[in-house]
Amino acid sequence: MTYRDAYRQGAACLKDAGIEEYDLDARLLLEHTCGITRQDLLIYGDKLLETGAEESFFQAIALRSSRIPLQHITGVQAFMGLDFEVNEDVLIPRQDTETVVETALTVLRPGMEILDLCTGSGCILISLLYYGGEVCGLGTDISPKALLTAARNLERISQKKKLNASLRESDLFDQVTGHFDLILSNPPYIASSVIDTLEPEVRDHEPVLALDGGRDGLAFYRRIVMESRRHLKNDGFLILEIGYDQGMAVRKLFDLAGFEDVTLKQDLAGSDRVVSGRWRSEHV
């Protein structure tokens, strides 16, 4: 079987399984299992696959057809131009979350200390340290397995550029001491009643601990906004990712807690995605 035939057959299988981006996923799985590039597929499409590669490709197609996320099959997801290991222990980084990093980079200055709550794969913290210059950070998560994944990502990306970061198991601020210039989080924010309605890739294969935001989806925001005030330096920033329909509710939490310069920012699709605010302790 040629590369081109394998791609077409794999795409057809994924389409029959109801995979929305069946053509893209088939190509990415072919590239992953055969060690080729998109250009190779275009130029050498008539080249025959080796037996082992063909078997690996269709095994991957079968996994994707069963609604296992593409990134769990390939084991990697790109975020902010960096490759992050992903698995069933962490949320798969989304492009929407890059809005959190981009917002933070506008306020980041040399010497700042960063705290990333619910760090998961570590994509937010590691990206900030990679692009933010001479800063240091702490990433926390309640899941020991998530922290192991974050640690591997930190170690691998630190080989490209030395990063000053540490990781700690903690339920939000419970094991956190000290004060920070910048606190960020992409916390669980899906209402409990909505979890069962999510796509199978999310509902069945991503950690519910990283999804379930309580009855109204705002449980973690209430805790983070109130408790962050004890851990922010004067003029420190709090930056949180939110669900597309949570902008006004989370912004109100910032206002009620006494944050200033509260801003709501949209992602590339135009949906509300980030709420940020500045903490001035002398005004309280």
Protein backbone atom coordinates (compact mmCIF):
# COMPACT_ATOMS: atom_id res chain seq x y z
CA MET A 1 0.00 0.00 0.00
CA THR A 2 1.28 3.47 -0.86
CA TYR A 3 1.38 6.45 1.46
CA ARG A 4 -1.40 8.07 -0.56
CA ASP A 5 -3.63 5.00 -0.43
CA ALA A 6 -3.04 4.57 3.29
CA TYR A 7 -3.94 8.19 3.92
CA ARG A 8 -7.16 7.94 1.90
CA GLN A 9 -8.20 4.70 3.54
CA GLY A 10 -7.39 6.00 7.00
CA ALA A 11 -9.32 9.23 6.39
CA ALA A 12 -12.33 7.22 5.19
CA CYS A 13 -12.25 5.13 8.37
CA LEU A 14 -12.15 8.23 10.55
CA LYS A 15 -14.97 9.86 8.59
CA ASP A 16 -17.14 6.77 9.09
CA ALA A 17 -16.37 6.95 12.82
CA GLY A 18 -17.67 10.52 12.98
CA ILE A 19 -14.33 12.25 13.43
CA GLU A 20 -14.87 15.85 12.34
CA GLU A 21 -11.32 16.55 11.14
CA TYR A 22 -10.87 13.10 9.66
CA ASP A 23 -8.56 14.18 6.85
CA LEU A 24 -6.23 16.20 9.07
CA ASP A 25 -6.11 13.50 11.75
CA ALA A 26 -5.35 10.80 9.17
CA ARG A 27 -2.45 12.83 7.79
CA LEU A 28 -1.02 13.59 11.22
CA LEU A 29 -1.24 9.94 12.25
CA LEU A 30 0.46 8.86 9.03
CA GLU A 31 3.25 11.36 9.60
CA HIS A 32 3.59 10.23 13.22
CA THR A 33 3.65 6.48 12.61
CA CYS A 34 5.80 6.60 9.45
CA GLY A 35 8.16 9.38 10.47
CA ILE A 36 7.39 11.48 7.40
CA THR A 37 6.45 15.09 6.79
CA ARG A 38 3.55 16.61 4.90
CA GLN A 39 5.98 17.41 2.10
CA ASP A 40 7.04 13.76 1.96
CA LEU A 41 3.42 12.74 1.55
CA LEU A 42 2.98 15.17 -1.33
CA ILE A 43 6.19 14.27 -3.13
CA TYR A 44 6.49 10.56 -2.36
CA GLY A 45 2.81 9.65 -2.14
CA ASP A 46 3.30 6.65 -4.45
CA LYS A 47 6.03 5.16 -2.25
CA LEU A 48 5.11 1.87 -0.57
CA LEU A 49 4.83 1.70 3.21
CA GLU A 50 6.91 -0.82 5.04
CA THR A 51 4.84 -3.60 6.59
CA GLY A 52 5.45 -2.48 10.16
CA ALA A 53 4.62 1.13 9.38
CA GLU A 54 1.36 0.18 7.68
CA GLU A 55 0.33 -1.91 10.68
CA SER A 56 1.20 0.89 13.13
CA PHE A 57 -0.75 3.42 11.08
CA PHE A 58 -3.96 1.43 10.99
CA GLN A 59 -3.65 0.59 14.67
CA ALA A 60 -3.49 4.35 15.29
CA ILE A 61 -6.51 4.88 13.03
CA ALA A 62 -8.42 2.28 15.04
CA LEU A 63 -7.58 4.08 18.28
CA ARG A 64 -8.68 7.42 16.89
CA SER A 65 -11.86 5.85 15.54
CA SER A 66 -12.68 4.81 19.12
CA ARG A 67 -12.52 8.53 20.03
CA ILE A 68 -9.20 8.42 21.82
CA PRO A 69 -7.75 11.93 21.39
CA LEU A 70 -5.21 12.37 18.62
CA GLN A 71 -2.74 13.83 21.10
CA HIS A 72 -2.96 10.77 23.34
CA ILE A 73 -1.98 8.62 20.37
CA THR A 74 0.92 10.81 19.28
CA GLY A 75 1.79 11.75 22.88
CA VAL A 76 2.44 15.40 22.06
CA GLN A 77 0.67 18.72 21.57
CA ALA A 78 2.15 21.97 20.28
CA PHE A 79 1.56 25.07 22.42
CA MET A 80 3.16 28.49 21.97
CA GLY A 81 5.59 26.98 19.48
CA LEU A 82 6.78 24.32 21.96
CA ASP A 83 5.99 20.61 22.05
CA PHE A 84 4.44 19.30 25.27
CA GLU A 85 4.02 15.70 26.34
CA VAL A 86 0.35 14.94 27.01
CA ASN A 87 -1.49 11.90 28.34
CA GLU A 88 -4.63 10.96 30.22
CA ASP A 89 -3.31 12.64 33.39
CA VAL A 90 -3.40 16.21 32.04
CA LEU A 91 -5.59 18.44 29.94
CA ILE A 92 -4.53 18.69 26.33
CA PRO A 93 -3.30 22.29 25.84
CA ARG A 94 -5.68 24.29 23.64
CA GLN A 95 -4.87 27.20 21.41
CA ASP A 96 -7.39 29.27 23.40
CA THR A 97 -5.10 28.99 26.43
CA GLU A 98 -2.33 30.75 24.54
CA THR A 99 -4.37 33.91 25.23
CA VAL A 100 -3.44 33.52 28.92
CA VAL A 101 0.27 33.40 28.09
CA GLU A 102 0.03 36.29 25.64
CA THR A 103 -1.78 38.40 28.25
CA ALA A 104 0.83 37.57 30.89
CA LEU A 105 3.73 38.44 28.57
CA THR A 106 2.42 42.01 28.30
CA VAL A 107 2.96 42.57 32.04
CA LEU A 108 5.96 40.32 32.64
CA ARG A 109 9.18 42.03 33.68
CA PRO A 110 12.66 40.68 34.55
CA GLY A 111 12.90 39.36 38.08
CA MET A 112 9.21 38.59 38.48
CA GLU A 113 8.08 35.56 40.47
CA ILE A 114 5.22 33.55 38.93
CA LEU A 115 2.74 31.10 40.41
CA ASP A 116 0.79 28.82 38.06
CA LEU A 117 -2.10 27.03 39.78
CA CYS A 118 -3.55 23.82 38.29
CA THR A 119 -0.45 23.61 36.14
CA GLY A 120 -1.32 20.28 34.48
CA SER A 121 1.17 19.68 31.66
CA GLY A 122 2.98 22.86 32.72
CA CYS A 123 2.30 24.51 29.36
CA ILE A 124 1.42 27.95 30.76
CA LEU A 125 4.30 28.22 33.23
CA ILE A 126 6.92 26.71 30.95
CA SER A 127 5.91 28.90 28.01
CA LEU A 128 6.08 32.02 30.16
CA LEU A 129 9.53 31.13 31.47
CA TYR A 130 10.73 30.24 27.98
CA TYR A 131 9.62 33.51 26.39
CA GLY A 132 9.59 35.81 29.39
CA GLY A 133 13.28 36.40 30.06
CA GLU A 134 14.81 36.40 33.53
CA VAL A 135 11.82 35.24 35.59
CA CYS A 136 11.18 32.30 37.90
CA GLY A 137 8.10 30.30 38.67
CA LEU A 138 6.27 27.71 40.73
CA GLY A 139 3.68 25.35 39.29
CA THR A 140 1.22 23.55 41.54
CA ASP A 141 -1.34 20.84 40.96
CA ILE A 142 -3.43 18.57 43.15
CA SER A 143 -2.58 15.60 40.93
CA PRO A 144 0.80 13.89 41.49
CA LYS A 145 0.50 12.24 38.07
CA ALA A 146 -0.01 15.59 36.38
CA LEU A 147 3.07 16.94 38.13
CA LEU A 148 5.14 14.03 36.81
CA THR A 149 4.11 14.99 33.28
CA ALA A 150 4.87 18.66 33.96
CA ALA A 151 8.28 17.68 35.33
CA ARG A 152 9.14 15.77 32.17
CA ASN A 153 8.08 18.72 30.03
CA LEU A 154 10.10 21.10 32.17
CA GLU A 155 13.19 18.90 31.99
CA ARG A 156 12.97 18.44 28.22
CA ILE A 157 12.31 22.08 27.34
CA SER A 158 14.97 23.22 29.81
CA GLN A 159 17.47 21.45 27.58
CA LYS A 160 16.69 24.04 24.91
CA LYS A 161 16.76 26.97 27.33
CA LYS A 162 17.47 26.84 31.05
CA LEU A 163 14.28 27.58 32.99
CA ASN A 164 14.06 28.55 36.65
CA ALA A 165 11.02 26.65 37.85
CA SER A 166 9.83 24.26 40.54
CA LEU A 167 6.73 22.11 40.93
CA ARG A 168 4.71 21.27 44.03
CA GLU A 169 1.68 19.18 44.91
CA SER A 170 -0.98 21.48 46.33
CA ASP A 171 -4.72 22.01 46.37
CA LEU A 172 -4.58 25.55 44.99
CA PHE A 173 -2.81 27.64 47.69
CA ASP A 174 -2.80 25.05 50.50
CA GLN A 175 0.94 24.27 50.20
CA VAL A 176 1.99 27.67 48.85
CA THR A 177 3.93 30.23 50.87
CA GLY A 178 5.31 33.62 49.94
CA HIS A 179 4.18 36.31 47.55
CA PHE A 180 4.21 36.53 43.78
CA ASP A 181 4.22 39.22 41.12
CA LEU A 182 1.95 37.19 38.88
CA ILE A 183 -0.54 34.40 39.59
CA LEU A 184 -2.14 32.53 36.71
CA SER A 185 -4.45 29.60 36.30
CA ASN A 186 -6.52 27.65 33.83
CA PRO A 187 -8.70 26.05 36.51
CA PRO A 188 -11.53 23.54 36.07
CA TYR A 189 -14.49 25.61 34.87
CA ILE A 190 -17.10 23.29 33.38
CA ALA A 191 -20.32 22.98 35.40
CA SER A 192 -20.69 19.49 36.87
CA SER A 193 -23.98 18.88 35.07
CA VAL A 194 -22.36 19.55 31.69
CA ILE A 195 -19.52 17.00 31.99
CA ASP A 196 -21.60 14.11 30.60
CA THR A 197 -22.54 16.12 27.50
CA LEU A 198 -18.94 16.76 26.41
CA GLU A 199 -17.35 15.13 23.38
CA PRO A 200 -16.12 11.57 24.13
CA GLU A 201 -12.50 12.66 23.63
CA VAL A 202 -12.88 15.05 26.56
CA ARG A 203 -15.46 13.29 28.73
CA ASP A 204 -13.87 9.85 28.62
CA HIS A 205 -10.16 10.58 28.22
CA GLU A 206 -9.25 13.83 29.98
CA PRO A 207 -9.01 14.03 33.80
CA VAL A 208 -12.32 15.03 35.39
CA LEU A 209 -10.33 16.75 38.15
CA ALA A 210 -9.18 19.26 35.54
CA LEU A 211 -12.67 19.75 34.10
CA ASP A 212 -15.24 19.89 36.89
CA GLY A 213 -15.75 23.43 38.17
CA GLY A 214 -18.60 22.62 40.53
CA ARG A 215 -22.32 23.29 40.32
CA ASP A 216 -22.04 26.51 38.30
CA GLY A 217 -18.48 26.14 37.01
CA LEU A 218 -17.25 28.99 39.21
CA ALA A 219 -16.11 27.14 42.34
CA PHE A 220 -12.40 27.46 41.63
CA TYR A 221 -12.68 31.12 40.61
CA ARG A 222 -14.23 32.02 43.94
CA ARG A 223 -11.36 30.40 45.82
CA ILE A 224 -8.57 31.65 43.60
CA VAL A 225 -9.75 35.26 43.43
CA MET A 226 -10.22 35.56 47.19
CA GLU A 227 -7.18 33.58 48.31
CA SER A 228 -4.79 35.07 45.75
CA ARG A 229 -4.89 38.39 47.58
CA ARG A 230 -2.79 36.87 50.40
CA HIS A 231 -0.15 35.72 47.92
CA LEU A 232 0.15 38.67 45.54
CA LYS A 233 2.74 41.35 45.96
CA ASN A 234 1.56 44.94 45.82
CA ASP A 235 0.80 45.75 42.17
CA GLY A 236 0.77 42.03 41.39
CA PHE A 237 -1.41 40.55 38.67
CA LEU A 238 -3.98 37.77 38.64
CA ILE A 239 -4.73 36.27 35.20
CA LEU A 240 -7.32 33.51 34.75
CA GLU A 241 -8.63 31.58 31.79
CA ILE A 242 -12.43 31.37 31.70
CA GLY A 243 -15.17 29.64 29.76
CA TYR A 244 -16.67 31.55 26.84
CA ASP A 245 -19.82 32.42 28.85
CA GLN A 246 -18.19 33.23 32.20
CA GLY A 247 -16.67 36.63 31.49
CA MET A 248 -19.05 38.87 33.38
CA ALA A 249 -19.43 36.47 36.33
CA VAL A 250 -15.66 36.15 36.88
CA ARG A 251 -15.10 39.84 36.29
CA LYS A 252 -17.62 40.55 39.06
CA LEU A 253 -15.63 38.30 41.42
CA PHE A 254 -12.51 40.37 40.69
CA ASP A 255 -14.39 43.60 41.34
CA LEU A 256 -15.94 42.39 44.59
CA ALA A 257 -12.54 41.22 45.84
CA GLY A 258 -11.04 44.68 45.32
CA PHE A 259 -8.92 44.14 42.21
CA GLU A 260 -8.22 47.14 40.01
CA ASP A 261 -7.75 47.52 36.26
CA VAL A 262 -9.93 44.45 35.70
CA THR A 263 -9.90 43.50 32.03
CA LEU A 264 -11.77 40.93 29.95
CA LYS A 265 -9.90 39.66 26.89
CA GLN A 266 -11.13 37.61 23.94
CA ASP A 267 -9.39 34.74 22.14
CA LEU A 268 -8.80 34.57 18.38
CA ALA A 269 -12.34 33.29 17.85
CA GLY A 270 -13.76 36.36 19.57
CA SER A 271 -14.94 34.50 22.69
CA ASP A 272 -14.30 35.80 26.20
CA ARG A 273 -11.24 33.87 27.39
CA VAL A 274 -9.19 35.72 30.02
CA VAL A 275 -9.95 37.93 33.01
CA SER A 276 -7.05 39.82 34.57
CA GLY A 277 -6.67 42.33 37.37
CA ARG A 278 -4.10 44.19 39.45
CA TRP A 279 -3.87 43.91 43.23
CA ARG A 280 -2.91 47.01 45.21
CA SER A 281 -2.74 45.94 48.83
CA GLU A 282 -2.36 49.45 50.23
CA HIS A 283 -5.84 50.32 48.96
CA VAL A 284 -7.54 47.67 51.11
